[in-house]
Amino acid sequence: MDMDTVWKCHLNSLATKRSGMGSYRTATFHPFPRLPFELRAQIWEMTVEPRVVDVRVAYSNEIMEYGRRLVSSTSTPAILHVCREARDHGLYEKGFSEIASRGVGFQHVWVNFDIDIIDIGASKLYDYKPVARLV
């Protein structure tokens, strides 16, 4: 059994113990929008965890600057799918958009430069010159 499966089983058993139900269900806290903004903001901030953000630059043809695209296997943080307030709170920003050519691949990667670790692998540092001030 791989670690992902073990972790999911562990989370599922915790959810079962806490809820008293046989299967995991997502709980909805309907009064959340009525909480004071400061409390909601603290809750959004507690969802942020350090991540390793995978960023690569790939070229679609031989001409170096033309067809440059951003490649990342790092998924969008779940909090950005929740609601506009969570997105607008500024926990993550669109990073590396200066690298990608228009209309080619990803245009940005969501990143929190304060806590995320940027992994560029074996990429050339030259590719990241436009965003050097950020990392």
N, C-alpha and C. Protein backbone atom coordinates (compact mmCIF):
# COMPACT_ATOMS: atom_id res chain seq x y z
N MET A 1 0.85 -1.18 0.00
CA MET A 1 0.00 0.00 0.00
C MET A 1 0.89 1.24 0.00
N ASP A 2 0.64 2.16 -0.92
CA ASP A 2 1.46 3.37 -0.98
C ASP A 2 1.01 4.38 0.09
N MET A 3 1.83 5.41 0.29
CA MET A 3 1.56 6.39 1.35
C MET A 3 0.27 7.17 1.13
N ASP A 4 -0.08 7.46 -0.13
CA ASP A 4 -1.32 8.18 -0.40
C ASP A 4 -2.53 7.38 0.07
N THR A 5 -2.51 6.08 -0.21
CA THR A 5 -3.61 5.21 0.20
C THR A 5 -3.69 5.14 1.72
N VAL A 6 -2.54 4.98 2.37
CA VAL A 6 -2.51 4.92 3.83
C VAL A 6 -3.06 6.21 4.42
N TRP A 7 -2.63 7.35 3.88
CA TRP A 7 -3.08 8.65 4.37
C TRP A 7 -4.58 8.81 4.19
N LYS A 8 -5.11 8.43 3.02
CA LYS A 8 -6.55 8.55 2.77
C LYS A 8 -7.35 7.66 3.72
N CYS A 9 -6.85 6.45 3.97
CA CYS A 9 -7.53 5.55 4.92
C CYS A 9 -7.54 6.16 6.32
N HIS A 10 -6.41 6.74 6.70
CA HIS A 10 -6.32 7.37 8.02
C HIS A 10 -7.30 8.53 8.15
N LEU A 11 -7.35 9.39 7.14
CA LEU A 11 -8.29 10.52 7.16
C LEU A 11 -9.73 10.03 7.19
N ASN A 12 -10.01 8.99 6.42
CA ASN A 12 -11.36 8.44 6.38
C ASN A 12 -11.76 7.88 7.74
N SER A 13 -10.84 7.18 8.42
CA SER A 13 -11.17 6.64 9.73
C SER A 13 -11.37 7.75 10.76
N LEU A 14 -10.56 8.82 10.66
CA LEU A 14 -10.76 9.96 11.56
C LEU A 14 -12.12 10.61 11.34
N ALA A 15 -12.49 10.77 10.08
CA ALA A 15 -13.78 11.37 9.76
C ALA A 15 -14.92 10.51 10.28
N THR A 16 -14.77 9.20 10.15
CA THR A 16 -15.81 8.27 10.62
C THR A 16 -15.95 8.36 12.13
N LYS A 17 -14.82 8.40 12.85
CA LYS A 17 -14.86 8.48 14.31
C LYS A 17 -15.50 9.79 14.77
N ARG A 18 -15.14 10.88 14.12
CA ARG A 18 -15.66 12.18 14.53
C ARG A 18 -17.13 12.37 14.19
N SER A 19 -17.54 11.83 13.06
CA SER A 19 -18.91 12.06 12.63
C SER A 19 -19.87 10.99 13.13
N GLY A 20 -19.31 9.84 13.51
CA GLY A 20 -20.17 8.75 13.93
C GLY A 20 -20.89 8.10 12.76
N MET A 21 -20.48 8.40 11.56
CA MET A 21 -21.11 7.86 10.37
C MET A 21 -20.18 6.83 9.74
N GLY A 22 -20.73 5.98 8.90
CA GLY A 22 -19.96 4.94 8.25
C GLY A 22 -19.11 5.41 7.10
N SER A 23 -19.41 6.53 6.52
CA SER A 23 -18.61 7.02 5.40
C SER A 23 -18.37 8.52 5.56
N TYR A 24 -17.32 9.00 4.94
CA TYR A 24 -16.94 10.41 5.04
C TYR A 24 -17.91 11.27 4.26
N ARG A 25 -18.37 12.33 4.87
CA ARG A 25 -19.22 13.32 4.19
C ARG A 25 -18.64 14.69 4.44
N THR A 26 -18.69 15.52 3.45
CA THR A 26 -18.22 16.88 3.62
C THR A 26 -19.27 17.66 4.41
N ALA A 27 -18.83 18.24 5.50
CA ALA A 27 -19.75 19.02 6.33
C ALA A 27 -19.85 20.43 5.77
N THR A 28 -21.03 20.98 5.81
CA THR A 28 -21.25 22.35 5.38
C THR A 28 -21.64 23.16 6.60
N PHE A 29 -20.94 24.26 6.81
CA PHE A 29 -21.23 25.14 7.93
C PHE A 29 -21.96 26.35 7.35
N HIS A 30 -23.27 26.27 7.31
CA HIS A 30 -24.08 27.29 6.64
C HIS A 30 -23.93 28.70 7.22
N PRO A 31 -23.72 28.88 8.53
CA PRO A 31 -23.58 30.25 9.05
C PRO A 31 -22.22 30.90 8.75
N PHE A 32 -21.31 30.22 8.06
CA PHE A 32 -19.97 30.76 7.80
C PHE A 32 -20.00 32.19 7.24
N PRO A 33 -20.83 32.49 6.25
CA PRO A 33 -20.85 33.87 5.72
C PRO A 33 -21.26 34.93 6.74
N ARG A 34 -21.93 34.50 7.81
CA ARG A 34 -22.37 35.47 8.83
C ARG A 34 -21.30 35.72 9.89
N LEU A 35 -20.22 34.94 9.87
CA LEU A 35 -19.13 35.18 10.81
C LEU A 35 -18.47 36.51 10.49
N PRO A 36 -17.87 37.16 11.48
CA PRO A 36 -17.16 38.41 11.21
C PRO A 36 -16.04 38.17 10.19
N PHE A 37 -15.79 39.17 9.36
CA PHE A 37 -14.78 39.02 8.31
C PHE A 37 -13.43 38.61 8.89
N GLU A 38 -13.04 39.19 10.03
CA GLU A 38 -11.74 38.90 10.63
C GLU A 38 -11.60 37.42 10.95
N LEU A 39 -12.67 36.80 11.44
CA LEU A 39 -12.65 35.38 11.75
C LEU A 39 -12.58 34.54 10.47
N ARG A 40 -13.37 34.91 9.47
CA ARG A 40 -13.31 34.20 8.19
C ARG A 40 -11.91 34.30 7.59
N ALA A 41 -11.30 35.49 7.69
CA ALA A 41 -9.95 35.68 7.16
C ALA A 41 -8.95 34.78 7.87
N GLN A 42 -9.08 34.65 9.19
CA GLN A 42 -8.19 33.76 9.93
C GLN A 42 -8.36 32.31 9.48
N ILE A 43 -9.59 31.92 9.23
CA ILE A 43 -9.86 30.55 8.77
C ILE A 43 -9.22 30.33 7.41
N TRP A 44 -9.37 31.29 6.48
CA TRP A 44 -8.74 31.15 5.16
C TRP A 44 -7.23 31.02 5.32
N GLU A 45 -6.64 31.83 6.20
CA GLU A 45 -5.19 31.81 6.39
C GLU A 45 -4.71 30.49 6.97
N MET A 46 -5.55 29.85 7.78
CA MET A 46 -5.17 28.56 8.37
C MET A 46 -5.17 27.43 7.34
N THR A 47 -5.74 27.66 6.19
CA THR A 47 -5.75 26.61 5.15
C THR A 47 -4.45 26.57 4.36
N VAL A 48 -3.64 27.60 4.49
CA VAL A 48 -2.40 27.69 3.71
C VAL A 48 -1.31 26.83 4.35
N GLU A 49 -0.73 25.95 3.55
CA GLU A 49 0.38 25.12 4.00
C GLU A 49 1.51 25.24 3.00
N PRO A 50 2.75 25.15 3.46
CA PRO A 50 3.88 25.20 2.52
C PRO A 50 3.79 24.06 1.51
N ARG A 51 4.12 24.37 0.27
CA ARG A 51 4.11 23.36 -0.78
C ARG A 51 5.42 23.43 -1.55
N VAL A 52 5.72 22.36 -2.25
CA VAL A 52 6.81 22.38 -3.22
C VAL A 52 6.14 22.61 -4.56
N VAL A 53 6.41 23.75 -5.16
CA VAL A 53 5.77 24.14 -6.42
C VAL A 53 6.73 23.83 -7.56
N ASP A 54 6.33 22.88 -8.38
CA ASP A 54 7.12 22.43 -9.52
C ASP A 54 6.89 23.37 -10.70
N VAL A 55 7.96 23.99 -11.20
CA VAL A 55 7.86 24.91 -12.33
C VAL A 55 8.96 24.57 -13.33
N ARG A 56 8.57 24.40 -14.57
CA ARG A 56 9.53 24.13 -15.65
C ARG A 56 9.22 25.04 -16.83
N VAL A 57 10.22 25.30 -17.63
CA VAL A 57 10.04 26.06 -18.86
C VAL A 57 10.34 25.11 -20.01
N ALA A 58 9.42 25.02 -20.94
CA ALA A 58 9.59 24.16 -22.11
C ALA A 58 9.46 25.01 -23.36
N TYR A 59 10.13 24.59 -24.40
CA TYR A 59 10.10 25.32 -25.67
C TYR A 59 9.42 24.47 -26.72
N SER A 60 8.57 25.10 -27.53
CA SER A 60 7.86 24.34 -28.55
C SER A 60 8.55 24.34 -29.90
N ASN A 61 9.62 25.09 -30.07
CA ASN A 61 10.42 25.00 -31.29
C ASN A 61 11.85 25.43 -31.00
N GLU A 62 12.67 25.50 -32.03
CA GLU A 62 14.10 25.78 -31.85
C GLU A 62 14.40 27.22 -31.47
N ILE A 63 13.55 28.15 -31.82
CA ILE A 63 13.80 29.56 -31.50
C ILE A 63 13.53 29.76 -30.01
N MET A 64 14.54 30.15 -29.26
CA MET A 64 14.48 30.15 -27.80
C MET A 64 13.34 30.98 -27.21
N GLU A 65 13.12 32.18 -27.65
CA GLU A 65 12.11 33.03 -27.02
C GLU A 65 10.70 32.76 -27.52
N TYR A 66 10.57 32.23 -28.70
CA TYR A 66 9.25 32.00 -29.26
C TYR A 66 8.74 30.63 -28.82
N GLY A 67 7.52 30.56 -28.41
CA GLY A 67 6.93 29.29 -28.03
C GLY A 67 7.35 28.79 -26.66
N ARG A 68 7.82 29.68 -25.83
CA ARG A 68 8.21 29.29 -24.48
C ARG A 68 6.94 29.08 -23.66
N ARG A 69 6.87 27.97 -22.94
CA ARG A 69 5.67 27.72 -22.15
C ARG A 69 6.03 27.27 -20.75
N LEU A 70 5.12 27.52 -19.85
CA LEU A 70 5.27 27.17 -18.46
C LEU A 70 4.67 25.79 -18.25
N VAL A 71 5.39 24.93 -17.52
CA VAL A 71 4.90 23.58 -17.24
C VAL A 71 4.97 23.38 -15.73
N SER A 72 3.89 22.88 -15.14
CA SER A 72 3.87 22.61 -13.71
C SER A 72 2.95 21.44 -13.40
N SER A 73 3.42 20.56 -12.53
CA SER A 73 2.57 19.45 -12.09
C SER A 73 1.87 19.79 -10.78
N THR A 74 2.14 20.97 -10.25
CA THR A 74 1.54 21.39 -8.99
C THR A 74 0.11 21.86 -9.24
N SER A 75 -0.82 21.30 -8.50
CA SER A 75 -2.23 21.66 -8.70
C SER A 75 -2.55 23.00 -8.05
N THR A 76 -3.63 23.59 -8.49
CA THR A 76 -4.13 24.84 -7.91
C THR A 76 -4.55 24.57 -6.47
N PRO A 77 -4.16 25.41 -5.52
CA PRO A 77 -4.57 25.20 -4.13
C PRO A 77 -6.10 25.13 -4.02
N ALA A 78 -6.59 24.18 -3.25
CA ALA A 78 -8.03 23.95 -3.13
C ALA A 78 -8.79 25.19 -2.66
N ILE A 79 -8.17 25.99 -1.81
CA ILE A 79 -8.85 27.17 -1.27
C ILE A 79 -9.28 28.13 -2.38
N LEU A 80 -8.57 28.11 -3.51
CA LEU A 80 -8.92 29.00 -4.61
C LEU A 80 -10.16 28.55 -5.36
N HIS A 81 -10.62 27.33 -5.08
CA HIS A 81 -11.84 26.82 -5.69
C HIS A 81 -13.07 27.05 -4.80
N VAL A 82 -12.86 27.55 -3.60
CA VAL A 82 -13.95 27.65 -2.62
C VAL A 82 -14.91 28.79 -2.92
N CYS A 83 -14.41 30.00 -2.95
CA CYS A 83 -15.28 31.15 -3.20
C CYS A 83 -14.44 32.38 -3.53
N ARG A 84 -15.09 33.40 -4.00
CA ARG A 84 -14.38 34.64 -4.39
C ARG A 84 -13.67 35.26 -3.19
N GLU A 85 -14.30 35.24 -2.02
CA GLU A 85 -13.68 35.85 -0.85
C GLU A 85 -12.34 35.19 -0.55
N ALA A 86 -12.29 33.87 -0.63
CA ALA A 86 -11.05 33.15 -0.37
C ALA A 86 -9.98 33.51 -1.40
N ARG A 87 -10.38 33.60 -2.66
CA ARG A 87 -9.42 33.99 -3.72
C ARG A 87 -8.95 35.43 -3.53
N ASP A 88 -9.87 36.32 -3.19
CA ASP A 88 -9.54 37.74 -3.06
C ASP A 88 -8.72 38.05 -1.81
N HIS A 89 -8.65 37.11 -0.89
CA HIS A 89 -7.92 37.35 0.36
C HIS A 89 -6.40 37.45 0.12
N GLY A 90 -5.95 37.04 -1.04
CA GLY A 90 -4.55 37.22 -1.40
C GLY A 90 -3.58 36.22 -0.81
N LEU A 91 -4.05 35.02 -0.53
CA LEU A 91 -3.17 34.00 0.04
C LEU A 91 -2.19 33.46 -1.00
N TYR A 92 -2.60 33.47 -2.24
CA TYR A 92 -1.77 33.00 -3.35
C TYR A 92 -1.79 34.06 -4.44
N GLU A 93 -0.75 34.08 -5.24
CA GLU A 93 -0.72 35.00 -6.37
C GLU A 93 -0.32 34.24 -7.63
N LYS A 94 -0.64 34.84 -8.75
CA LYS A 94 -0.27 34.25 -10.03
C LYS A 94 1.21 34.52 -10.25
N GLY A 95 2.00 33.47 -10.21
CA GLY A 95 3.43 33.63 -10.38
C GLY A 95 3.91 33.12 -11.72
N PHE A 96 5.05 33.60 -12.13
CA PHE A 96 5.75 33.13 -13.33
C PHE A 96 5.04 33.48 -14.63
N SER A 97 4.08 34.37 -14.60
CA SER A 97 3.37 34.73 -15.83
C SER A 97 4.28 35.47 -16.81
N GLU A 98 5.37 36.04 -16.32
CA GLU A 98 6.32 36.73 -17.19
C GLU A 98 7.09 35.77 -18.09
N ILE A 99 7.09 34.49 -17.73
CA ILE A 99 7.87 33.49 -18.47
C ILE A 99 7.15 32.99 -19.70
N ALA A 100 5.88 32.71 -19.58
CA ALA A 100 5.13 32.05 -20.65
C ALA A 100 4.85 32.98 -21.82
N SER A 101 4.91 32.41 -23.02
CA SER A 101 4.49 33.13 -24.22
C SER A 101 2.97 33.16 -24.23
N ARG A 102 2.40 34.18 -24.77
CA ARG A 102 0.93 34.29 -24.81
C ARG A 102 0.32 33.11 -25.57
N GLY A 103 -0.71 32.54 -24.98
CA GLY A 103 -1.46 31.48 -25.65
C GLY A 103 -0.76 30.14 -25.72
N VAL A 104 0.35 29.97 -25.01
CA VAL A 104 1.07 28.70 -25.05
C VAL A 104 1.13 28.11 -23.65
N GLY A 105 0.42 27.01 -23.40
CA GLY A 105 0.47 26.33 -22.11
C GLY A 105 -0.09 27.17 -20.98
N PHE A 106 0.37 26.85 -19.76
CA PHE A 106 -0.05 27.58 -18.57
C PHE A 106 0.39 29.03 -18.69
N GLN A 107 -0.41 29.94 -18.22
CA GLN A 107 -0.04 31.35 -18.20
C GLN A 107 0.53 31.76 -16.85
N HIS A 108 0.29 30.95 -15.82
CA HIS A 108 0.79 31.25 -14.48
C HIS A 108 0.69 29.99 -13.61
N VAL A 109 1.32 30.06 -12.45
CA VAL A 109 1.22 29.02 -11.43
C VAL A 109 0.85 29.74 -10.15
N TRP A 110 -0.13 29.21 -9.41
CA TRP A 110 -0.52 29.84 -8.15
C TRP A 110 0.55 29.52 -7.11
N VAL A 111 1.04 30.55 -6.44
CA VAL A 111 2.13 30.37 -5.49
C VAL A 111 2.03 31.38 -4.35
N ASN A 112 2.48 30.96 -3.18
CA ASN A 112 2.62 31.85 -2.04
C ASN A 112 4.13 31.98 -1.83
N PHE A 113 4.72 33.07 -2.31
CA PHE A 113 6.17 33.23 -2.28
C PHE A 113 6.73 33.29 -0.87
N ASP A 114 5.89 33.55 0.13
CA ASP A 114 6.36 33.62 1.51
C ASP A 114 6.67 32.24 2.09
N ILE A 115 5.92 31.21 1.67
CA ILE A 115 6.10 29.90 2.30
C ILE A 115 6.35 28.75 1.33
N ASP A 116 6.01 28.91 0.06
CA ASP A 116 6.20 27.81 -0.89
C ASP A 116 7.66 27.68 -1.29
N ILE A 117 8.05 26.46 -1.61
CA ILE A 117 9.39 26.17 -2.13
C ILE A 117 9.25 25.99 -3.63
N ILE A 118 10.05 26.71 -4.39
CA ILE A 118 9.99 26.63 -5.84
C ILE A 118 11.02 25.61 -6.31
N ASP A 119 10.55 24.61 -7.06
CA ASP A 119 11.41 23.56 -7.60
C ASP A 119 11.50 23.74 -9.11
N ILE A 120 12.68 24.15 -9.60
CA ILE A 120 12.85 24.33 -11.05
C ILE A 120 13.59 23.15 -11.67
N GLY A 121 13.88 22.13 -10.88
CA GLY A 121 14.54 20.94 -11.40
C GLY A 121 15.87 21.27 -12.05
N ALA A 122 16.10 20.69 -13.22
CA ALA A 122 17.36 20.90 -13.95
C ALA A 122 17.22 22.01 -14.98
N SER A 123 16.20 22.84 -14.86
CA SER A 123 16.00 23.94 -15.81
C SER A 123 17.16 24.92 -15.75
N LYS A 124 17.35 25.64 -16.84
CA LYS A 124 18.39 26.68 -16.88
C LYS A 124 17.92 27.90 -16.10
N LEU A 125 18.79 28.45 -15.29
CA LEU A 125 18.43 29.64 -14.51
C LEU A 125 18.08 30.81 -15.42
N TYR A 126 18.67 30.85 -16.59
CA TYR A 126 18.38 31.93 -17.54
C TYR A 126 16.88 32.04 -17.82
N ASP A 127 16.19 30.89 -17.87
CA ASP A 127 14.76 30.89 -18.15
C ASP A 127 13.95 31.66 -17.12
N TYR A 128 14.49 31.81 -15.92
CA TYR A 128 13.75 32.43 -14.82
C TYR A 128 14.20 33.88 -14.58
N LYS A 129 15.01 34.41 -15.47
CA LYS A 129 15.49 35.78 -15.31
C LYS A 129 14.35 36.80 -15.15
N PRO A 130 13.24 36.67 -15.91
CA PRO A 130 12.15 37.64 -15.76
C PRO A 130 11.51 37.65 -14.36
N VAL A 131 11.67 36.56 -13.61
CA VAL A 131 11.04 36.50 -12.28
C VAL A 131 12.07 36.36 -11.17
N ALA A 132 13.33 36.63 -11.46
CA ALA A 132 14.40 36.46 -10.47
C ALA A 132 14.15 37.26 -9.20
N ARG A 133 13.55 38.44 -9.33
CA ARG A 133 13.29 39.27 -8.15
C ARG A 133 12.29 38.63 -7.20
N LEU A 134 11.50 37.67 -7.68
CA LEU A 134 10.46 37.05 -6.85
C LEU A 134 10.97 35.87 -6.05
N VAL A 135 12.02 35.22 -6.54
CA VAL A 135 12.49 34.00 -5.88
C VAL A 135 13.84 34.16 -5.24
